[in-house]
Amino acid sequence: MSKRKARVAYFTPLQPVESGISQYSEDLIPWLATALDLTVVVDNYVPTLAPALVPARIATARHFDRDAYDAIVLHMGNSPAHNYMVPLALDRPDVLVLHDIVLHHLMVWRAVQGRGGRDAYRREMRARYGERGEAVAAHVLRGQNPQAMFDFPLNEDFIRAARCVVTHSPSSSAWVRRLVPGARTHVVPMGVPIIAPVDREAARTRLGIGPETFVVLSLGRVNPFKRIPAVFRAVRRLADAVPDLALLIVGGDSPNYDVPRLARFAGIERYVRRLGYVADARLPDLFAASDVCINLRHPTAGETSAAVLRLMSAGLPTIVTETGAFADLPDDAVLKVPPDAFEGEMLAAYLHALATNPPFRRAVGVNARAFVLREHTMRRAAEGYLDVLHDVTGRTFSHDLINEPPRPHPVSPSALMTGGASDPDSPDQTPTSANAYPIITPIADALGDLDLAGNGALIEQTARALAEMHLGVRRSEQPHRRS
């Protein structure tokens, strides 16, 4: 008689909630489900891609029975998409996966939902971080989104409550232990689907790019933390040496961040092609057609970038900020720019070296792909989670249990739900268009910067809460439904 698989509850947002963690989980769950009796617990909605997660089952949080499982794994990020799991995250979960070390934006969002939230938030910031924390809270309560929010993570209670905290980089794990000395931590590889090679000439033909053009790719939502002015200045300097140049900007814009104006100011508008949101199916063409990618970010919330690992898996030389999890990447597989006074100079020098030295460019790309194939495959990620579950439960989890998942069966999403997610009284939480409401508050903007740009329902709810509390939205600016 075979031993039963461990029953594990896996809390995560899934599409239609648009976030990097949704995509991460949709990639990982089919692998874990070959080794575990896995139930994925979501908020009260039907996941768009539920059929692709078979044999994992889908349950809703309101019907969750903790006693039915051998272990509970919570995937926590810095956005309201994770609000539904906060009570359990404070009630001794087995594994807390911190995709973002900083949870400040989530905690502000929670504060403005309830009565007395402003005062409670201010008191907590003072009690936890002293006068400087209170000063930052005052800026936030005036509707600002100061960079200093990243210095006050508001995550200590979650770390203390968890039996084990998982991160995806040594730097993030060390950050957790600095915040809560003695915290039990594990580093698990991120795990990304490997990008298959695409013919470069064919990709460029499909994208309308000339064969000799030097292509710089900027991937991801454009916001102030992506160091765009520095990127534009470096591209302008490169154009003096490489006039046949294109800068492809892929991803949406943060509201009130005028990218065209910045491009005109830098004098590079003729080199810029803005593609907006691009479906995943088009990414292999973009990667194959590009010569280099710039993916800077500062400050960091402690995240590990799946986008950067995907770029590396495609063999695309990538320039990153030398901070947080980016600093942990091998020096021969990415090029690192410190976020200091010399950022622009070093970025320009790297771009020039990559553009004028093809062997160097190829070597960095080869090393990047080899690193991801060695350290960040989906199998390595699944093995890492089995090791963590062994540590917290004492059960044996052989890596041999993991198999490459089969293709999903054609099953309707609602048929896979357990716990009444399709009950008639379940509210409809399918996100609406992000443009359905004129949201202009800084914190709603911050939600977009946290990869929730397409989740209009969450952003609308935040804007309404802010408006009701007169926090960052004047009465005349309160969102209204268009007829």
Protein backbone atom coordinates (compact mmCIF):
# COMPACT_ATOMS: atom_id res chain seq x y z
CA MET A 1 0.00 0.00 0.00
CA SER A 2 1.50 3.33 -1.04
CA LYS A 3 2.01 6.06 1.52
CA ARG A 4 -0.37 8.97 1.02
CA LYS A 5 0.97 12.25 -0.24
CA ALA A 6 1.25 15.11 2.21
CA ARG A 7 -1.78 17.39 2.18
CA VAL A 8 -0.59 20.96 1.70
CA ALA A 9 -2.63 24.16 1.51
CA TYR A 10 -1.00 26.70 -0.80
CA PHE A 11 -2.27 30.30 -0.43
CA THR A 12 -1.65 32.60 -3.39
CA PRO A 13 -3.39 35.04 -5.71
CA LEU A 14 -4.04 33.70 -9.20
CA GLN A 15 -5.27 35.27 -12.40
CA PRO A 16 -7.52 37.19 -12.97
CA VAL A 17 -5.66 38.97 -10.15
CA GLU A 18 -2.78 40.39 -12.16
CA SER A 19 0.45 40.13 -10.22
CA GLY A 20 3.88 38.62 -10.62
CA ILE A 21 3.06 36.18 -7.82
CA SER A 22 -0.01 34.96 -9.70
CA GLN A 23 2.17 34.05 -12.65
CA TYR A 24 4.86 32.57 -10.39
CA SER A 25 2.34 30.26 -8.72
CA GLU A 26 0.71 29.24 -11.99
CA ASP A 27 4.13 28.09 -13.17
CA LEU A 28 5.05 26.30 -9.92
CA ILE A 29 1.80 24.65 -8.79
CA PRO A 30 1.65 21.97 -11.54
CA TRP A 31 5.14 20.81 -10.54
CA LEU A 32 4.39 20.68 -6.81
CA ALA A 33 1.09 18.93 -7.46
CA THR A 34 2.95 15.90 -8.86
CA ALA A 35 4.60 15.36 -5.45
CA LEU A 36 1.97 16.70 -3.01
CA ASP A 37 -1.76 16.49 -2.41
CA LEU A 38 -2.07 20.19 -3.10
CA THR A 39 -5.00 22.52 -2.52
CA VAL A 40 -4.61 26.10 -3.74
CA VAL A 41 -6.52 28.56 -1.55
CA VAL A 42 -7.59 31.81 -3.19
CA ASP A 43 -9.82 34.70 -2.21
CA ASN A 44 -13.44 34.52 -3.31
CA TYR A 45 -13.15 34.19 -7.10
CA VAL A 46 -12.72 31.55 -9.79
CA PRO A 47 -9.13 31.45 -11.16
CA THR A 48 -8.89 32.03 -14.88
CA LEU A 49 -6.33 29.27 -15.48
CA ALA A 50 -7.64 26.67 -13.04
CA PRO A 51 -7.59 23.85 -15.66
CA ALA A 52 -3.83 24.28 -16.06
CA LEU A 53 -3.30 23.58 -12.34
CA VAL A 54 -4.69 20.02 -12.34
CA PRO A 55 -4.28 17.84 -10.28
CA ALA A 56 -4.19 20.62 -7.69
CA ARG A 57 -7.60 21.55 -6.34
CA ILE A 58 -8.86 25.11 -5.85
CA ALA A 59 -10.56 26.21 -2.62
CA THR A 60 -11.71 29.56 -1.28
CA ALA A 61 -10.41 31.04 1.95
CA ARG A 62 -13.83 31.40 3.55
CA HIS A 63 -14.24 27.60 3.50
CA PHE A 64 -10.68 26.79 4.57
CA ASP A 65 -10.30 24.08 7.26
CA ARG A 66 -6.82 24.26 8.72
CA ASP A 67 -7.09 20.86 10.41
CA ALA A 68 -7.44 19.11 7.05
CA TYR A 69 -3.81 19.76 6.05
CA ASP A 70 -0.35 18.61 7.05
CA ALA A 71 1.19 21.98 6.22
CA ILE A 72 0.17 25.49 5.22
CA VAL A 73 2.22 27.61 2.81
CA LEU A 74 1.42 31.32 2.40
CA HIS A 75 2.80 33.33 -0.53
CA MET A 76 2.86 36.92 0.69
CA GLY A 77 3.52 40.03 -1.36
CA ASN A 78 3.28 43.78 -0.86
CA SER A 79 -0.19 44.34 -2.32
CA PRO A 80 -3.88 44.04 -1.36
CA ALA A 81 -4.10 40.82 -3.38
CA HIS A 82 -2.68 39.14 -0.26
CA ASN A 83 -4.99 40.77 2.26
CA TYR A 84 -7.18 37.67 2.60
CA MET A 85 -4.30 35.62 4.01
CA VAL A 86 -3.15 38.16 6.63
CA PRO A 87 -5.14 36.65 9.57
CA LEU A 88 -3.62 33.23 8.93
CA ALA A 89 -0.17 34.75 8.42
CA LEU A 90 -0.37 36.02 12.02
CA ASP A 91 -1.57 32.64 13.33
CA ARG A 92 1.57 30.47 13.13
CA PRO A 93 1.64 29.32 9.49
CA ASP A 94 4.11 26.56 8.68
CA VAL A 95 5.76 28.38 5.78
CA LEU A 96 5.62 32.09 4.95
CA VAL A 97 7.04 32.85 1.51
CA LEU A 98 8.00 36.53 1.40
CA HIS A 99 8.09 37.55 -2.25
CA ASP A 100 8.57 41.11 -0.97
CA ILE A 101 10.33 41.75 2.31
CA VAL A 102 8.69 45.17 2.53
CA LEU A 103 4.95 44.93 3.25
CA HIS A 104 4.42 48.62 4.02
CA HIS A 105 2.07 49.34 1.09
CA LEU A 106 -0.15 46.38 1.99
CA MET A 107 -0.33 47.50 5.62
CA VAL A 108 -1.23 51.08 4.63
CA TRP A 109 -3.98 49.68 2.42
CA ARG A 110 -5.30 47.64 5.36
CA ALA A 111 -5.15 50.66 7.65
CA VAL A 112 -7.30 52.85 5.42
CA GLN A 113 -10.01 50.17 5.17
CA GLY A 114 -11.09 50.32 8.82
CA ARG A 115 -12.21 52.90 11.32
CA GLY A 116 -9.37 54.60 13.10
CA GLY A 117 -6.97 53.27 10.51
CA ARG A 118 -5.06 56.53 10.13
CA ASP A 119 -4.36 56.81 13.86
CA ALA A 120 -3.57 53.12 14.24
CA TYR A 121 -1.08 53.29 11.36
CA ARG A 122 0.60 56.38 12.79
CA ARG A 123 0.84 54.79 16.26
CA GLU A 124 2.31 51.58 14.89
CA MET A 125 4.92 53.43 12.85
CA ARG A 126 5.99 55.39 15.93
CA ALA A 127 5.99 52.37 18.24
CA ARG A 128 7.96 50.23 15.81
CA TYR A 129 10.33 52.75 14.22
CA GLY A 130 10.35 55.81 16.46
CA GLU A 131 10.16 59.45 15.41
CA ARG A 132 11.45 58.81 11.88
CA GLY A 133 8.77 56.20 11.33
CA GLU A 134 6.10 58.60 12.53
CA ALA A 135 7.43 61.29 10.18
CA VAL A 136 7.17 58.92 7.21
CA ALA A 137 3.64 57.99 8.29
CA ALA A 138 2.71 61.68 8.25
CA HIS A 139 3.85 61.97 4.63
CA VAL A 140 1.88 58.88 3.65
CA LEU A 141 -1.23 60.18 5.40
CA ARG A 142 -0.95 63.36 3.33
CA GLY A 143 -1.32 61.20 0.22
CA GLN A 144 2.38 61.02 -0.62
CA ASN A 145 4.36 57.91 -1.54
CA PRO A 146 7.82 58.59 -0.10
CA GLN A 147 10.77 56.40 -1.02
CA ALA A 148 11.43 55.99 2.71
CA MET A 149 8.45 53.61 2.93
CA PHE A 150 10.91 50.94 1.78
CA ASP A 151 12.99 51.51 4.93
CA PHE A 152 10.09 50.51 7.20
CA PRO A 153 8.86 47.06 6.11
CA LEU A 154 6.06 46.56 8.69
CA ASN A 155 6.56 42.80 8.44
CA GLU A 156 8.05 41.89 11.81
CA ASP A 157 4.85 40.38 13.23
CA PHE A 158 4.50 38.10 10.19
CA ILE A 159 8.10 36.91 10.48
CA ARG A 160 7.75 36.15 14.19
CA ALA A 161 4.50 34.25 13.64
CA ALA A 162 5.79 31.91 10.94
CA ARG A 163 7.50 28.63 11.72
CA CYS A 164 9.71 29.17 8.68
CA VAL A 165 10.24 32.09 6.28
CA VAL A 166 11.17 31.41 2.66
CA THR A 167 12.84 33.93 0.38
CA HIS A 168 14.33 33.55 -3.08
CA SER A 169 17.73 35.12 -2.46
CA PRO A 170 20.43 35.10 0.23
CA SER A 171 20.21 38.90 0.54
CA SER A 172 16.50 38.77 1.32
CA SER A 173 17.01 35.95 3.80
CA ALA A 174 19.69 37.98 5.59
CA TRP A 175 17.33 40.99 5.66
CA VAL A 176 14.68 38.85 7.40
CA ARG A 177 17.18 37.77 10.05
CA ARG A 178 18.28 41.36 10.64
CA LEU A 179 14.69 42.38 11.22
CA VAL A 180 13.94 39.43 13.52
CA PRO A 181 17.12 37.85 14.87
CA GLY A 182 16.74 34.09 15.22
CA ALA A 183 14.10 33.81 12.50
CA ARG A 184 14.14 30.42 10.80
CA THR A 185 14.76 30.97 7.09
CA HIS A 186 15.24 29.02 3.86
CA VAL A 187 16.32 30.20 0.42
CA VAL A 188 14.39 28.48 -2.37
CA PRO A 189 15.26 29.03 -6.05
CA MET A 190 12.77 31.26 -7.84
CA GLY A 191 12.07 28.87 -10.69
CA VAL A 192 11.16 30.20 -14.14
CA PRO A 193 10.11 28.48 -17.37
CA ILE A 194 13.13 28.45 -19.63
CA ILE A 195 12.76 30.61 -22.74
CA ALA A 196 13.37 28.52 -25.87
CA PRO A 197 15.72 30.04 -28.47
CA VAL A 198 14.06 31.93 -31.34
CA ASP A 199 15.67 32.78 -34.68
CA ARG A 200 16.93 36.35 -34.37
CA GLU A 201 16.37 37.41 -37.98
CA ALA A 202 12.84 36.01 -38.06
CA ALA A 203 12.02 37.71 -34.75
CA ARG A 204 13.28 41.06 -36.02
CA THR A 205 11.29 40.71 -39.21
CA ARG A 206 8.11 40.10 -37.22
CA LEU A 207 8.83 43.15 -35.06
CA GLY A 208 9.86 45.41 -37.94
CA ILE A 209 13.43 45.89 -36.71
CA GLY A 210 16.37 46.19 -39.10
CA PRO A 211 19.11 43.53 -39.05
CA GLU A 212 21.88 45.97 -38.02
CA THR A 213 20.00 47.98 -35.40
CA PHE A 214 21.40 47.76 -31.88
CA VAL A 215 18.35 47.08 -29.70
CA VAL A 216 18.15 47.96 -26.01
CA LEU A 217 15.14 46.45 -24.22
CA SER A 218 13.50 47.92 -21.12
CA LEU A 219 11.08 45.36 -19.72
CA GLY A 220 8.45 45.90 -17.04
CA ARG A 221 6.14 48.60 -15.74
CA VAL A 222 7.70 52.05 -16.07
CA ASN A 223 7.78 53.86 -12.73
CA PRO A 224 10.11 56.16 -10.78
CA PHE A 225 11.91 53.22 -9.16
CA LYS A 226 13.13 51.92 -12.55
CA ARG A 227 15.73 54.72 -12.90
CA ILE A 228 14.37 55.76 -16.29
CA PRO A 229 16.09 59.19 -16.47
CA ALA A 230 19.47 57.49 -16.01
CA VAL A 231 18.58 54.95 -18.70
CA PHE A 232 17.58 57.69 -21.13
CA ARG A 233 20.79 59.65 -20.54
CA ALA A 234 22.90 56.53 -21.11
CA VAL A 235 21.04 55.74 -24.34
CA ARG A 236 21.62 59.29 -25.53
CA ARG A 237 25.35 58.92 -24.99
CA LEU A 238 25.35 55.54 -26.76
CA ALA A 239 23.65 57.11 -29.79
CA ASP A 240 26.77 59.19 -30.41
CA ALA A 241 28.73 55.99 -31.07
CA VAL A 242 25.92 53.74 -32.37
CA PRO A 243 23.46 55.83 -34.38
CA ASP A 244 21.47 52.81 -35.62
CA LEU A 245 19.85 52.34 -32.24
CA ALA A 246 16.43 51.46 -30.81
CA LEU A 247 15.15 51.49 -27.25
CA LEU A 248 12.13 49.19 -26.85
CA ILE A 249 10.06 50.03 -23.77
CA VAL A 250 7.74 47.13 -22.92
CA GLY A 251 5.23 47.56 -20.10
CA GLY A 252 2.62 50.01 -18.85
CA ASP A 253 3.36 53.40 -17.33
CA SER A 254 2.86 54.53 -13.78
CA PRO A 255 0.17 57.25 -13.69
CA ASN A 256 1.53 60.79 -13.61
CA TYR A 257 4.93 59.58 -14.90
CA ASP A 258 5.38 61.26 -18.27
CA VAL A 259 7.70 58.96 -20.22
CA PRO A 260 7.37 60.82 -23.57
CA ARG A 261 8.31 64.10 -21.90
CA LEU A 262 11.35 62.47 -20.26
CA ALA A 263 12.40 61.03 -23.63
CA ARG A 264 12.09 64.44 -25.31
CA PHE A 265 14.04 66.07 -22.50
CA ALA A 266 16.84 63.50 -22.94
CA GLY A 267 16.80 63.99 -26.72
CA ILE A 268 16.16 60.33 -27.52
CA GLU A 269 12.52 60.35 -28.67
CA ARG A 270 13.52 59.24 -32.19
CA TYR A 271 15.12 56.08 -30.76
CA VAL A 272 12.24 55.09 -28.50
CA ARG A 273 9.58 52.52 -29.40
CA ARG A 274 6.91 52.06 -26.73
CA LEU A 275 5.11 48.74 -27.02
CA GLY A 276 2.99 48.88 -23.86
CA TYR A 277 1.77 45.60 -22.40
CA VAL A 278 2.95 42.58 -24.39
CA ALA A 279 1.50 39.08 -24.00
CA ASP A 280 3.87 36.37 -22.78
CA ALA A 281 3.65 34.62 -26.15
CA ARG A 282 5.46 37.58 -27.76
CA LEU A 283 8.31 37.74 -25.25
CA PRO A 284 10.57 35.15 -26.96
CA ASP A 285 10.55 37.28 -30.11
CA LEU A 286 11.40 40.41 -28.11
CA PHE A 287 14.22 38.66 -26.29
CA ALA A 288 15.67 37.20 -29.49
CA ALA A 289 15.46 40.54 -31.31
CA SER A 290 17.19 42.49 -28.52
CA ASP A 291 20.91 42.87 -27.92
CA VAL A 292 20.78 43.91 -24.27
CA CYS A 293 18.21 44.54 -21.57
CA ILE A 294 18.31 47.20 -18.85
CA ASN A 295 16.32 46.28 -15.73
CA LEU A 296 17.21 48.71 -12.95
CA ARG A 297 15.32 49.08 -9.69
CA HIS A 298 16.03 51.12 -6.59
CA PRO A 299 14.90 51.08 -3.87
CA THR A 300 14.05 47.41 -3.59
CA ALA A 301 11.30 45.73 -1.58
CA GLY A 302 13.44 42.60 -1.31
CA GLU A 303 11.91 40.98 -4.37
CA THR A 304 13.62 38.52 -6.71
CA SER A 305 12.83 39.40 -10.31
CA ALA A 306 11.37 36.55 -12.34
CA ALA A 307 11.52 38.87 -15.36
CA VAL A 308 15.31 39.19 -15.06
CA LEU A 309 15.70 35.41 -14.72
CA ARG A 310 13.57 34.90 -17.84
CA LEU A 311 15.74 37.37 -19.72
CA MET A 312 18.84 35.52 -18.56
CA SER A 313 17.34 32.17 -19.55
CA ALA A 314 17.00 33.52 -23.09
CA GLY A 315 20.72 34.34 -23.12
CA LEU A 316 20.11 38.09 -23.20
CA PRO A 317 22.81 40.20 -21.51
CA THR A 318 21.10 42.19 -18.77
CA ILE A 319 22.14 45.22 -16.74
CA VAL A 320 20.69 45.37 -13.21
CA THR A 321 21.02 47.52 -10.11
CA GLU A 322 23.59 46.25 -7.64
CA THR A 323 21.21 45.96 -4.72
CA GLY A 324 19.19 43.33 -2.90
CA ALA A 325 18.59 40.08 -4.76
CA PHE A 326 20.12 41.52 -7.95
CA ALA A 327 23.48 41.78 -6.14
CA ASP A 328 23.35 38.01 -5.49
CA LEU A 329 23.44 37.19 -9.22
CA PRO A 330 26.83 36.01 -10.54
CA ASP A 331 29.15 38.79 -11.68
CA ASP A 332 29.84 37.00 -14.96
CA ALA A 333 26.14 36.50 -15.79
CA VAL A 334 24.77 40.06 -15.39
CA LEU A 335 26.26 43.55 -15.33
CA LYS A 336 25.62 45.45 -12.11
CA VAL A 337 25.26 49.21 -11.68
CA PRO A 338 25.44 50.68 -8.16
CA PRO A 339 22.60 53.12 -7.34
CA ASP A 340 24.96 55.95 -6.50
CA ALA A 341 26.37 59.13 -8.04
CA PHE A 342 28.23 57.08 -10.67
CA GLU A 343 25.16 55.12 -11.82
CA GLY A 344 24.82 56.99 -15.11
CA GLU A 345 28.52 56.76 -15.96
CA MET A 346 28.71 53.03 -15.36
CA LEU A 347 25.47 52.36 -17.22
CA ALA A 348 26.73 54.29 -20.25
CA ALA A 349 30.07 52.43 -20.12
CA TYR A 350 28.35 49.02 -19.99
CA LEU A 351 26.07 49.88 -22.90
CA HIS A 352 29.03 51.03 -24.98
CA ALA A 353 31.02 47.85 -24.20
CA LEU A 354 28.09 45.60 -25.08
CA ALA A 355 27.37 47.48 -28.30
CA THR A 356 30.95 47.56 -29.56
CA ASN A 357 32.25 44.20 -28.33
CA PRO A 358 30.08 41.34 -29.68
CA PRO A 359 32.22 38.54 -28.12
CA PHE A 360 31.82 40.15 -24.70
CA ARG A 361 28.07 40.48 -25.28
CA ARG A 362 27.77 36.82 -26.27
CA ALA A 363 29.82 35.64 -23.28
CA VAL A 364 27.59 37.43 -20.78
CA GLY A 365 24.49 35.96 -22.46
CA VAL A 366 25.90 32.42 -22.44
CA ASN A 367 26.82 32.70 -18.74
CA ALA A 368 23.38 34.08 -17.92
CA ARG A 369 21.54 31.19 -19.56
CA ALA A 370 23.84 28.62 -17.96
CA PHE A 371 23.20 30.10 -14.51
CA VAL A 372 19.42 29.92 -14.83
CA LEU A 373 19.55 26.38 -16.25
CA ARG A 374 21.70 25.37 -13.29
CA GLU A 375 19.97 27.21 -10.43
CA HIS A 376 16.47 28.43 -11.30
CA THR A 377 14.56 25.77 -13.20
CA MET A 378 11.05 24.82 -12.15
CA ARG A 379 12.36 21.46 -10.92
CA ARG A 380 14.94 23.15 -8.68
CA ALA A 381 12.22 25.37 -7.23
CA ALA A 382 9.93 22.39 -6.52
CA GLU A 383 12.81 20.52 -4.88
CA GLY A 384 13.47 23.54 -2.68
CA TYR A 385 9.89 23.58 -1.41
CA LEU A 386 10.01 19.85 -0.63
CA ASP A 387 13.15 20.47 1.45
CA VAL A 388 11.37 23.24 3.36
CA LEU A 389 8.34 21.02 4.03
CA HIS A 390 10.65 18.29 5.29
CA ASP A 391 12.22 20.78 7.69
CA VAL A 392 8.93 22.04 9.14
CA THR A 393 6.98 18.76 9.22
CA GLY A 394 9.65 16.11 9.74
CA ARG A 395 8.21 14.07 6.88
CA THR A 396 10.43 12.66 4.14
CA PHE A 397 9.93 14.28 0.74
CA SER A 398 12.02 12.61 -1.92
CA HIS A 399 12.91 14.72 -4.95
CA ASP A 400 12.01 11.64 -7.01
CA LEU A 401 8.35 12.44 -6.29
CA ILE A 402 8.57 15.43 -8.64
CA ASN A 403 7.66 14.83 -12.26
CA GLU A 404 7.32 17.21 -15.15
CA PRO A 405 3.62 18.09 -15.14
CA PRO A 406 1.41 16.85 -17.95
CA ARG A 407 -0.51 19.18 -20.19
CA PRO A 408 -3.77 20.35 -18.57
CA HIS A 409 -7.00 18.56 -19.31
CA PRO A 410 -9.89 20.58 -20.81
CA VAL A 411 -11.86 21.10 -17.58
CA SER A 412 -13.93 24.20 -16.87
CA PRO A 413 -12.51 26.41 -14.09
CA SER A 414 -15.67 26.28 -11.95
CA ALA A 415 -15.65 22.48 -11.95
CA LEU A 416 -12.28 22.49 -10.17
CA MET A 417 -13.41 24.68 -7.27
CA THR A 418 -13.99 23.25 -3.81
CA GLY A 419 -15.61 24.96 -0.87
CA GLY A 420 -18.41 26.73 -2.68
CA ALA A 421 -16.53 29.24 -4.79
CA SER A 422 -19.30 29.09 -7.36
CA ASP A 423 -22.09 29.49 -4.80
CA PRO A 424 -24.89 31.81 -5.96
CA ASP A 425 -24.17 34.18 -3.08
CA SER A 426 -20.47 34.47 -3.90
CA PRO A 427 -19.62 38.04 -4.94
CA ASP A 428 -18.29 38.56 -8.41
CA GLN A 429 -14.66 39.66 -8.06
CA THR A 430 -13.64 39.53 -11.67
CA PRO A 431 -11.43 42.60 -12.11
CA THR A 432 -12.70 45.43 -14.25
CA SER A 433 -10.59 47.55 -16.54
CA ALA A 434 -7.99 49.66 -14.76
CA ASN A 435 -9.15 52.63 -16.83
CA ALA A 436 -12.76 52.39 -15.69
CA TYR A 437 -12.19 54.97 -12.95
CA PRO A 438 -10.08 58.15 -12.85
CA ILE A 439 -7.79 57.06 -10.02
CA ILE A 440 -5.10 59.60 -9.33
CA THR A 441 -4.10 58.99 -5.72
CA PRO A 442 -0.45 58.24 -5.05
CA ILE A 443 -1.19 55.02 -3.17
CA ALA A 444 -3.42 53.72 -5.94
CA ASP A 445 -0.50 54.56 -8.22
CA ALA A 446 1.75 52.54 -5.91
CA LEU A 447 -0.55 49.53 -6.31
CA GLY A 448 0.01 49.74 -10.03
CA ASP A 449 3.75 49.89 -9.46
CA LEU A 450 3.38 46.65 -7.50
CA ASP A 451 2.19 44.83 -10.64
CA LEU A 452 -1.53 45.29 -10.04
CA ALA A 453 -2.08 47.69 -12.92
CA GLY A 454 -4.71 45.49 -14.51
CA ASN A 455 -6.63 44.81 -11.31
CA GLY A 456 -9.18 47.58 -11.45
CA ALA A 457 -11.33 46.12 -8.67
CA LEU A 458 -8.56 46.42 -6.06
CA ILE A 459 -7.44 49.84 -7.24
CA GLU A 460 -10.99 51.15 -7.28
CA GLN A 461 -11.59 49.84 -3.76
CA THR A 462 -8.41 51.54 -2.54
CA ALA A 463 -9.27 54.84 -4.16
CA ARG A 464 -12.76 54.78 -2.64
CA ALA A 465 -11.36 54.07 0.83
CA LEU A 466 -8.87 56.89 0.48
CA ALA A 467 -11.56 59.25 -0.74
CA GLU A 468 -13.89 58.39 2.13
CA MET A 469 -11.13 59.21 4.60
CA HIS A 470 -10.09 62.34 2.63
CA LEU A 471 -6.66 60.74 2.26
CA GLY A 472 -4.99 61.82 -0.96
CA VAL A 473 -8.24 62.36 -2.91
CA ARG A 474 -10.27 65.54 -2.77
CA ARG A 475 -14.03 65.16 -2.72
CA SER A 476 -14.26 66.52 -6.25
CA GLU A 477 -11.90 63.75 -7.39
CA GLN A 478 -13.73 60.79 -5.88
CA PRO A 479 -14.07 58.04 -8.49
CA HIS A 480 -17.43 57.67 -10.13
CA ARG A 481 -18.76 55.05 -12.52
CA ARG A 482 -18.98 56.16 -16.11
CA SER A 483 -22.31 55.69 -17.74
